[in-house]
């Protein structure tokens, strides 16, 4: 298998696990986030309390379109708008616990896989893998800003 194939296989398994868990949780009730809303939430969470303008710019959508999407997410209880202390006209987008619980469906599996890696890899192999992943993030993905805008990951992540 090629490096690209192996990487794609791992990435696909993480996505598939997430989708499987989402459908399992919604078996007895209707989904509350549309696919596009899920993508919007992932962007907002990853950017770490962006402004409405920062979200719109990153998602390459118009400000009115961004405002529409954000207002729907606020009504559903996944985001809260926090007024900026420095510019009262500006609002930062903060995910609510409701979204964190939703997001943890994915994160818990990432943590499980990382824990399994710790069990089977030597300390030197773990250090090498960490170095590789950090280089991928820091050097090979310049198009994407630091995850969560440089904010520390929630407890248990990293």
N, C-alpha and C. Protein backbone atom coordinates (compact mmCIF):
# COMPACT_ATOMS: atom_id res chain seq x y z
N UNK A 1 0.85 -1.18 0.00
CA UNK A 1 0.00 0.00 0.00
C UNK A 1 0.89 1.24 0.00
N UNK A 2 0.46 2.25 -0.71
CA UNK A 2 1.22 3.50 -0.78
C UNK A 2 0.98 4.33 0.49
N UNK A 3 1.82 5.32 0.70
CA UNK A 3 1.66 6.23 1.82
C UNK A 3 0.31 6.94 1.72
N UNK A 4 -0.03 7.40 0.50
CA UNK A 4 -1.31 8.07 0.30
C UNK A 4 -2.48 7.12 0.61
N UNK A 5 -2.37 5.90 0.16
CA UNK A 5 -3.42 4.92 0.40
C UNK A 5 -3.60 4.62 1.88
N UNK A 6 -2.49 4.45 2.57
CA UNK A 6 -2.55 4.17 4.01
C UNK A 6 -3.15 5.35 4.77
N UNK A 7 -2.73 6.56 4.41
CA UNK A 7 -3.25 7.75 5.08
C UNK A 7 -4.74 7.90 4.81
N UNK A 8 -5.15 7.70 3.57
CA UNK A 8 -6.57 7.80 3.21
C UNK A 8 -7.40 6.73 3.93
N UNK A 9 -6.84 5.54 4.08
CA UNK A 9 -7.54 4.46 4.77
C UNK A 9 -7.81 4.84 6.23
N UNK A 10 -6.81 5.37 6.91
CA UNK A 10 -6.98 5.78 8.31
C UNK A 10 -7.99 6.93 8.41
N UNK A 11 -7.85 7.93 7.55
CA UNK A 11 -8.76 9.08 7.56
C UNK A 11 -10.20 8.61 7.31
N UNK A 12 -10.39 7.73 6.34
CA UNK A 12 -11.73 7.22 6.03
C UNK A 12 -12.33 6.45 7.19
N UNK A 13 -11.52 5.66 7.89
CA UNK A 13 -12.03 4.91 9.04
C UNK A 13 -12.48 5.84 10.16
N UNK A 14 -11.77 6.93 10.39
CA UNK A 14 -12.20 7.90 11.40
C UNK A 14 -13.54 8.51 10.98
N UNK A 15 -13.67 8.90 9.71
CA UNK A 15 -14.93 9.48 9.24
C UNK A 15 -16.07 8.47 9.34
N UNK A 16 -15.83 7.26 8.88
CA UNK A 16 -16.88 6.25 8.90
C UNK A 16 -17.35 5.93 10.33
N UNK A 17 -16.41 5.87 11.25
CA UNK A 17 -16.79 5.63 12.64
C UNK A 17 -17.70 6.76 13.14
N UNK A 18 -17.33 7.98 12.83
CA UNK A 18 -18.14 9.13 13.24
C UNK A 18 -19.55 9.02 12.67
N UNK A 19 -19.66 8.77 11.37
CA UNK A 19 -20.98 8.67 10.74
C UNK A 19 -21.80 7.53 11.33
N UNK A 20 -21.15 6.41 11.57
CA UNK A 20 -21.84 5.25 12.16
C UNK A 20 -22.42 5.62 13.53
N UNK A 21 -21.63 6.31 14.35
CA UNK A 21 -22.10 6.70 15.68
C UNK A 21 -23.21 7.73 15.61
N UNK A 22 -23.11 8.65 14.67
CA UNK A 22 -24.16 9.66 14.52
C UNK A 22 -25.48 8.98 14.17
N UNK A 23 -25.44 8.06 13.19
CA UNK A 23 -26.67 7.37 12.81
C UNK A 23 -27.19 6.50 13.94
N UNK A 24 -26.31 5.88 14.69
CA UNK A 24 -26.73 5.07 15.83
C UNK A 24 -27.45 5.93 16.86
N UNK A 25 -26.92 7.11 17.14
CA UNK A 25 -27.54 7.99 18.13
C UNK A 25 -28.88 8.54 17.65
N UNK A 26 -29.04 8.68 16.33
CA UNK A 26 -30.27 9.25 15.80
C UNK A 26 -31.27 8.18 15.38
N UNK A 27 -31.02 6.93 15.73
CA UNK A 27 -31.91 5.84 15.33
C UNK A 27 -33.34 6.09 15.82
N UNK A 28 -33.46 6.60 17.04
CA UNK A 28 -34.79 6.78 17.62
C UNK A 28 -35.26 8.23 17.65
N UNK A 29 -34.51 9.12 17.01
CA UNK A 29 -34.96 10.51 16.93
C UNK A 29 -34.36 11.15 15.68
N UNK A 30 -34.91 12.28 15.30
CA UNK A 30 -34.47 12.95 14.08
C UNK A 30 -33.16 13.70 14.33
N UNK A 31 -32.31 13.72 13.33
CA UNK A 31 -31.05 14.46 13.43
C UNK A 31 -31.35 15.95 13.57
N UNK A 32 -30.55 16.63 14.38
CA UNK A 32 -30.79 18.06 14.59
C UNK A 32 -29.90 18.95 13.76
N UNK A 33 -28.80 18.43 13.23
CA UNK A 33 -27.91 19.21 12.37
C UNK A 33 -27.94 18.67 10.95
N UNK A 34 -28.06 19.57 9.99
CA UNK A 34 -27.95 19.15 8.60
C UNK A 34 -26.47 18.91 8.30
N UNK A 35 -26.20 18.34 7.16
CA UNK A 35 -24.80 18.10 6.77
C UNK A 35 -24.03 19.41 6.70
N UNK A 36 -24.60 20.42 6.05
CA UNK A 36 -23.92 21.71 5.92
C UNK A 36 -23.72 22.34 7.30
N UNK A 37 -24.72 22.23 8.17
CA UNK A 37 -24.57 22.77 9.52
C UNK A 37 -23.45 22.05 10.28
N UNK A 38 -23.33 20.75 10.08
CA UNK A 38 -22.24 20.00 10.72
C UNK A 38 -20.89 20.52 10.25
N UNK A 39 -20.76 20.77 8.96
CA UNK A 39 -19.50 21.32 8.44
C UNK A 39 -19.24 22.71 9.04
N UNK A 40 -20.27 23.53 9.12
CA UNK A 40 -20.11 24.86 9.71
C UNK A 40 -19.65 24.75 11.16
N UNK A 41 -20.25 23.85 11.90
CA UNK A 41 -19.88 23.68 13.30
C UNK A 41 -18.44 23.22 13.45
N UNK A 42 -18.02 22.31 12.60
CA UNK A 42 -16.64 21.84 12.67
C UNK A 42 -15.67 22.97 12.39
N UNK A 43 -15.99 23.83 11.43
CA UNK A 43 -15.13 24.98 11.12
C UNK A 43 -15.08 25.92 12.32
N UNK A 44 -16.23 26.26 12.86
CA UNK A 44 -16.27 27.20 14.00
C UNK A 44 -15.51 26.64 15.19
N UNK A 45 -15.71 25.38 15.49
CA UNK A 45 -15.02 24.77 16.63
C UNK A 45 -13.51 24.75 16.42
N UNK A 46 -13.10 24.38 15.21
CA UNK A 46 -11.67 24.29 14.92
C UNK A 46 -10.99 25.66 14.93
N UNK A 47 -11.71 26.70 14.52
CA UNK A 47 -11.12 28.04 14.50
C UNK A 47 -11.02 28.67 15.89
N UNK A 48 -11.77 28.15 16.84
CA UNK A 48 -11.65 28.62 18.22
C UNK A 48 -12.25 30.00 18.44
N UNK A 49 -13.56 30.07 18.49
CA UNK A 49 -14.29 31.32 18.74
C UNK A 49 -13.98 32.40 17.69
N UNK A 50 -14.16 32.08 16.43
CA UNK A 50 -13.93 33.10 15.39
C UNK A 50 -15.03 34.15 15.43
N UNK A 51 -14.76 35.28 14.78
CA UNK A 51 -15.83 36.26 14.57
C UNK A 51 -16.68 35.75 13.41
N UNK A 52 -17.82 36.37 13.23
CA UNK A 52 -18.68 36.01 12.11
C UNK A 52 -17.92 36.22 10.80
N UNK A 53 -17.19 37.32 10.70
CA UNK A 53 -16.43 37.62 9.49
C UNK A 53 -15.33 36.59 9.25
N UNK A 54 -14.64 36.17 10.29
CA UNK A 54 -13.59 35.16 10.14
C UNK A 54 -14.17 33.83 9.67
N UNK A 55 -15.33 33.45 10.22
CA UNK A 55 -15.99 32.23 9.77
C UNK A 55 -16.37 32.35 8.30
N UNK A 56 -17.00 33.46 7.92
CA UNK A 56 -17.43 33.66 6.53
C UNK A 56 -16.24 33.60 5.59
N UNK A 57 -15.16 34.26 5.96
CA UNK A 57 -13.96 34.27 5.10
C UNK A 57 -13.38 32.85 4.96
N UNK A 58 -13.26 32.14 6.07
CA UNK A 58 -12.69 30.80 6.00
C UNK A 58 -13.57 29.86 5.16
N UNK A 59 -14.88 29.97 5.34
CA UNK A 59 -15.81 29.10 4.61
C UNK A 59 -16.06 29.57 3.18
N UNK A 60 -15.50 30.72 2.83
CA UNK A 60 -15.68 31.31 1.49
C UNK A 60 -17.16 31.50 1.15
N UNK A 61 -17.88 32.06 2.12
CA UNK A 61 -19.29 32.39 1.90
C UNK A 61 -19.50 33.86 2.23
N UNK A 62 -20.59 34.41 1.74
CA UNK A 62 -20.89 35.82 1.98
C UNK A 62 -21.24 36.04 3.45
N UNK A 63 -21.08 37.25 3.91
CA UNK A 63 -21.44 37.58 5.29
C UNK A 63 -22.92 37.34 5.58
N UNK A 64 -23.84 37.73 4.66
CA UNK A 64 -25.25 37.43 4.93
C UNK A 64 -25.53 35.93 5.01
N UNK A 65 -24.89 35.14 4.15
CA UNK A 65 -25.07 33.70 4.19
C UNK A 65 -24.53 33.13 5.51
N UNK A 66 -23.37 33.63 5.93
CA UNK A 66 -22.79 33.19 7.20
C UNK A 66 -23.72 33.55 8.36
N UNK A 67 -24.25 34.76 8.35
CA UNK A 67 -25.15 35.20 9.43
C UNK A 67 -26.40 34.31 9.48
N UNK A 68 -26.93 33.97 8.32
CA UNK A 68 -28.10 33.10 8.25
C UNK A 68 -27.80 31.73 8.88
N UNK A 69 -26.67 31.14 8.48
CA UNK A 69 -26.29 29.82 9.01
C UNK A 69 -26.06 29.89 10.53
N UNK A 70 -25.39 30.94 10.95
CA UNK A 70 -25.08 31.09 12.38
C UNK A 70 -26.36 31.25 13.19
N UNK A 71 -27.29 32.06 12.69
CA UNK A 71 -28.55 32.26 13.42
C UNK A 71 -29.32 30.96 13.57
N UNK A 72 -29.30 30.11 12.55
CA UNK A 72 -29.97 28.81 12.65
C UNK A 72 -29.29 27.95 13.72
N UNK A 73 -27.95 28.00 13.79
CA UNK A 73 -27.21 27.21 14.77
C UNK A 73 -27.43 27.73 16.19
N UNK A 74 -27.57 29.05 16.32
CA UNK A 74 -27.88 29.64 17.63
C UNK A 74 -29.26 29.15 18.08
N UNK A 75 -30.25 29.19 17.17
CA UNK A 75 -31.61 28.75 17.51
C UNK A 75 -31.64 27.28 17.92
N UNK A 76 -30.78 26.47 17.32
CA UNK A 76 -30.73 25.04 17.64
C UNK A 76 -29.92 24.76 18.91
N UNK A 77 -29.25 25.80 19.43
CA UNK A 77 -28.53 25.65 20.68
C UNK A 77 -27.10 25.14 20.57
N UNK A 78 -26.51 25.21 19.37
CA UNK A 78 -25.14 24.71 19.19
C UNK A 78 -24.09 25.80 19.29
N UNK A 79 -24.49 27.06 19.14
CA UNK A 79 -23.57 28.19 19.18
C UNK A 79 -24.17 29.30 20.03
N UNK A 80 -23.29 30.04 20.68
CA UNK A 80 -23.72 31.29 21.29
C UNK A 80 -22.83 32.39 20.73
N UNK A 81 -23.43 33.56 20.57
CA UNK A 81 -22.69 34.72 20.06
C UNK A 81 -22.27 35.56 21.26
N UNK A 82 -20.96 35.80 21.35
CA UNK A 82 -20.41 36.56 22.47
C UNK A 82 -19.92 37.90 21.94
N UNK A 83 -20.44 38.99 22.49
CA UNK A 83 -20.04 40.31 22.03
C UNK A 83 -18.60 40.60 22.41
N UNK A 84 -17.84 41.13 21.46
CA UNK A 84 -16.44 41.46 21.68
C UNK A 84 -16.32 42.57 22.71
N UNK A 85 -15.32 42.45 23.56
CA UNK A 85 -15.08 43.49 24.56
C UNK A 85 -14.39 44.71 23.94
N UNK A 86 -13.67 44.49 22.84
CA UNK A 86 -12.93 45.59 22.22
C UNK A 86 -13.71 46.30 21.12
N UNK A 87 -14.59 45.58 20.43
CA UNK A 87 -15.41 46.17 19.37
C UNK A 87 -16.84 45.67 19.56
N UNK A 88 -17.68 46.50 20.11
CA UNK A 88 -19.04 46.11 20.49
C UNK A 88 -19.89 45.69 19.29
N UNK A 89 -19.44 46.02 18.06
CA UNK A 89 -20.19 45.63 16.85
C UNK A 89 -19.87 44.20 16.44
N UNK A 90 -18.83 43.64 17.02
CA UNK A 90 -18.32 42.33 16.60
C UNK A 90 -18.74 41.24 17.60
N UNK A 91 -19.04 40.06 17.05
CA UNK A 91 -19.42 38.93 17.89
C UNK A 91 -18.51 37.74 17.60
N UNK A 92 -18.12 37.05 18.66
CA UNK A 92 -17.36 35.81 18.52
C UNK A 92 -18.34 34.65 18.66
N UNK A 93 -18.03 33.57 17.95
CA UNK A 93 -18.90 32.40 17.96
C UNK A 93 -18.31 31.36 18.89
N UNK A 94 -19.07 30.97 19.87
CA UNK A 94 -18.62 29.98 20.85
C UNK A 94 -19.55 28.77 20.79
N UNK A 95 -18.98 27.60 20.69
CA UNK A 95 -19.81 26.40 20.68
C UNK A 95 -20.32 26.14 22.10
N UNK A 96 -21.49 25.54 22.17
CA UNK A 96 -22.10 25.24 23.46
C UNK A 96 -21.75 23.80 23.87
N UNK A 97 -22.10 23.47 25.09
CA UNK A 97 -21.87 22.10 25.57
C UNK A 97 -22.62 21.10 24.71
N UNK A 98 -23.76 21.51 24.18
CA UNK A 98 -24.53 20.63 23.30
C UNK A 98 -23.68 20.19 22.11
N UNK A 99 -22.91 21.13 21.53
CA UNK A 99 -22.05 20.75 20.40
C UNK A 99 -20.85 19.94 20.88
N UNK A 100 -20.28 20.31 22.01
CA UNK A 100 -19.12 19.56 22.53
C UNK A 100 -19.51 18.09 22.73
N UNK A 101 -20.70 17.86 23.24
CA UNK A 101 -21.17 16.48 23.41
C UNK A 101 -21.27 15.77 22.06
N UNK A 102 -21.75 16.48 21.06
CA UNK A 102 -21.86 15.94 19.70
C UNK A 102 -20.46 15.66 19.13
N UNK A 103 -19.57 16.62 19.32
CA UNK A 103 -18.19 16.50 18.81
C UNK A 103 -17.46 15.33 19.47
N UNK A 104 -17.74 15.11 20.73
CA UNK A 104 -17.05 14.04 21.46
C UNK A 104 -17.32 12.66 20.90
N UNK A 105 -18.40 12.51 20.12
CA UNK A 105 -18.64 11.25 19.43
C UNK A 105 -17.42 10.90 18.59
N UNK A 106 -16.89 11.90 17.91
CA UNK A 106 -15.71 11.70 17.06
C UNK A 106 -14.44 11.65 17.90
N UNK A 107 -14.30 12.60 18.83
CA UNK A 107 -13.06 12.68 19.59
C UNK A 107 -12.82 11.44 20.44
N UNK A 108 -13.86 10.88 21.01
CA UNK A 108 -13.67 9.70 21.86
C UNK A 108 -13.04 8.55 21.08
N UNK A 109 -13.39 8.41 19.81
CA UNK A 109 -12.79 7.35 19.00
C UNK A 109 -11.33 7.67 18.69
N UNK A 110 -11.03 8.92 18.42
CA UNK A 110 -9.63 9.32 18.20
C UNK A 110 -8.81 8.98 19.45
N UNK A 111 -9.37 9.29 20.62
CA UNK A 111 -8.66 8.98 21.87
C UNK A 111 -8.48 7.47 22.04
N UNK A 112 -9.49 6.69 21.71
CA UNK A 112 -9.38 5.22 21.81
C UNK A 112 -8.26 4.69 20.92
N UNK A 113 -8.21 5.19 19.69
CA UNK A 113 -7.16 4.74 18.76
C UNK A 113 -5.78 5.19 19.28
N UNK A 114 -5.68 6.41 19.78
CA UNK A 114 -4.40 6.89 20.32
C UNK A 114 -3.97 6.04 21.53
N UNK A 115 -4.93 5.69 22.38
CA UNK A 115 -4.60 4.83 23.53
C UNK A 115 -4.11 3.46 23.06
N UNK A 116 -4.73 2.92 22.02
CA UNK A 116 -4.28 1.64 21.48
C UNK A 116 -2.87 1.74 20.90
N UNK A 117 -2.59 2.88 20.26
CA UNK A 117 -1.24 3.09 19.74
C UNK A 117 -0.21 3.10 20.87
N UNK A 118 -0.55 3.75 21.97
CA UNK A 118 0.36 3.81 23.12
C UNK A 118 0.66 2.42 23.66
N UNK A 119 -0.31 1.52 23.55
CA UNK A 119 -0.11 0.15 24.05
C UNK A 119 0.81 -0.67 23.16
N UNK A 120 0.78 -0.41 21.85
CA UNK A 120 1.55 -1.28 20.94
C UNK A 120 2.85 -0.65 20.43
N UNK A 121 3.00 0.66 20.56
CA UNK A 121 4.22 1.31 20.09
C UNK A 121 5.21 1.50 21.24
N UNK A 122 6.48 1.37 20.92
CA UNK A 122 7.51 1.67 21.92
C UNK A 122 7.53 3.17 22.16
N UNK A 123 8.13 3.61 23.25
CA UNK A 123 8.24 5.06 23.47
C UNK A 123 8.94 5.78 22.31
N UNK A 124 9.97 5.15 21.72
CA UNK A 124 10.65 5.77 20.58
C UNK A 124 9.73 5.86 19.36
N UNK A 125 8.93 4.83 19.13
CA UNK A 125 7.99 4.85 18.00
C UNK A 125 6.92 5.92 18.22
N UNK A 126 6.46 6.04 19.47
CA UNK A 126 5.47 7.08 19.79
C UNK A 126 6.05 8.46 19.52
N UNK A 127 7.30 8.66 19.93
CA UNK A 127 7.96 9.95 19.73
C UNK A 127 8.12 10.24 18.23
N UNK A 128 8.48 9.23 17.45
CA UNK A 128 8.62 9.40 16.00
C UNK A 128 7.28 9.75 15.36
N UNK A 129 6.24 9.04 15.76
CA UNK A 129 4.91 9.31 15.20
C UNK A 129 4.47 10.72 15.56
N UNK A 130 4.69 11.13 16.79
CA UNK A 130 4.33 12.48 17.21
C UNK A 130 5.08 13.52 16.39
N UNK A 131 6.36 13.30 16.17
CA UNK A 131 7.17 14.22 15.36
C UNK A 131 6.61 14.32 13.94
N UNK A 132 6.26 13.18 13.36
CA UNK A 132 5.71 13.16 12.00
C UNK A 132 4.38 13.92 11.95
N UNK A 133 3.50 13.66 12.90
CA UNK A 133 2.20 14.34 12.91
C UNK A 133 2.36 15.84 13.11
N UNK A 134 3.29 16.24 13.98
CA UNK A 134 3.52 17.67 14.19
C UNK A 134 4.08 18.33 12.93
N UNK A 135 4.98 17.65 12.23
CA UNK A 135 5.51 18.19 10.97
C UNK A 135 4.41 18.31 9.94
N UNK A 136 3.53 17.31 9.86
CA UNK A 136 2.41 17.38 8.92
C UNK A 136 1.58 18.62 9.21
N UNK A 137 1.23 18.82 10.47
CA UNK A 137 0.38 19.93 10.85
C UNK A 137 1.08 21.28 10.68
N UNK A 138 2.31 21.38 11.16
CA UNK A 138 3.02 22.66 11.18
C UNK A 138 3.62 23.06 9.83
N UNK A 139 4.11 22.09 9.07
CA UNK A 139 4.86 22.42 7.86
C UNK A 139 4.16 22.08 6.56
N UNK A 140 3.31 21.06 6.56
CA UNK A 140 2.75 20.58 5.31
C UNK A 140 1.30 21.00 5.07
N UNK A 141 0.73 21.73 6.02
CA UNK A 141 -0.66 22.16 5.88
C UNK A 141 -0.80 23.66 6.14
N UNK A 142 -0.04 24.47 5.40
CA UNK A 142 -0.04 25.92 5.67
C UNK A 142 -1.36 26.61 5.33
N UNK A 143 -2.21 25.94 4.53
CA UNK A 143 -3.48 26.55 4.14
C UNK A 143 -4.48 26.61 5.28
N UNK A 144 -4.24 25.83 6.31
CA UNK A 144 -5.17 25.72 7.43
C UNK A 144 -4.54 26.35 8.67
N UNK A 145 -5.28 27.26 9.32
CA UNK A 145 -4.71 27.89 10.54
C UNK A 145 -4.56 26.87 11.65
N UNK A 146 -3.82 27.26 12.67
CA UNK A 146 -3.66 26.39 13.83
C UNK A 146 -5.03 25.98 14.35
N UNK A 147 -5.14 24.72 14.69
CA UNK A 147 -6.38 24.18 15.22
C UNK A 147 -6.84 24.97 16.43
N UNK A 148 -8.10 25.34 16.47
CA UNK A 148 -8.71 26.13 17.53
C UNK A 148 -8.01 27.46 17.74
N UNK A 149 -7.47 28.01 16.64
CA UNK A 149 -6.88 29.34 16.74
C UNK A 149 -5.75 29.42 17.75
N UNK A 150 -5.06 28.31 17.96
CA UNK A 150 -3.94 28.29 18.90
C UNK A 150 -4.36 28.10 20.34
N UNK A 151 -5.68 27.94 20.59
CA UNK A 151 -6.15 27.74 21.95
C UNK A 151 -5.87 26.32 22.38
N UNK A 152 -5.66 26.11 23.66
CA UNK A 152 -5.42 24.73 24.12
C UNK A 152 -6.61 23.84 23.84
N UNK A 153 -6.33 22.59 23.60
CA UNK A 153 -7.40 21.62 23.36
C UNK A 153 -8.15 21.36 24.66
N UNK A 154 -9.42 21.00 24.55
CA UNK A 154 -10.17 20.66 25.77
C UNK A 154 -9.48 19.56 26.55
N UNK A 155 -9.82 19.47 27.82
CA UNK A 155 -9.21 18.49 28.70
C UNK A 155 -9.30 17.09 28.09
N UNK A 156 -8.19 16.38 28.11
CA UNK A 156 -8.15 15.04 27.56
C UNK A 156 -7.70 14.99 26.12
N UNK A 157 -7.69 16.12 25.43
CA UNK A 157 -7.23 16.15 24.03
C UNK A 157 -5.77 16.49 23.97
N UNK A 158 -5.17 16.20 22.86
CA UNK A 158 -3.81 16.61 22.52
C UNK A 158 -3.01 15.44 22.05
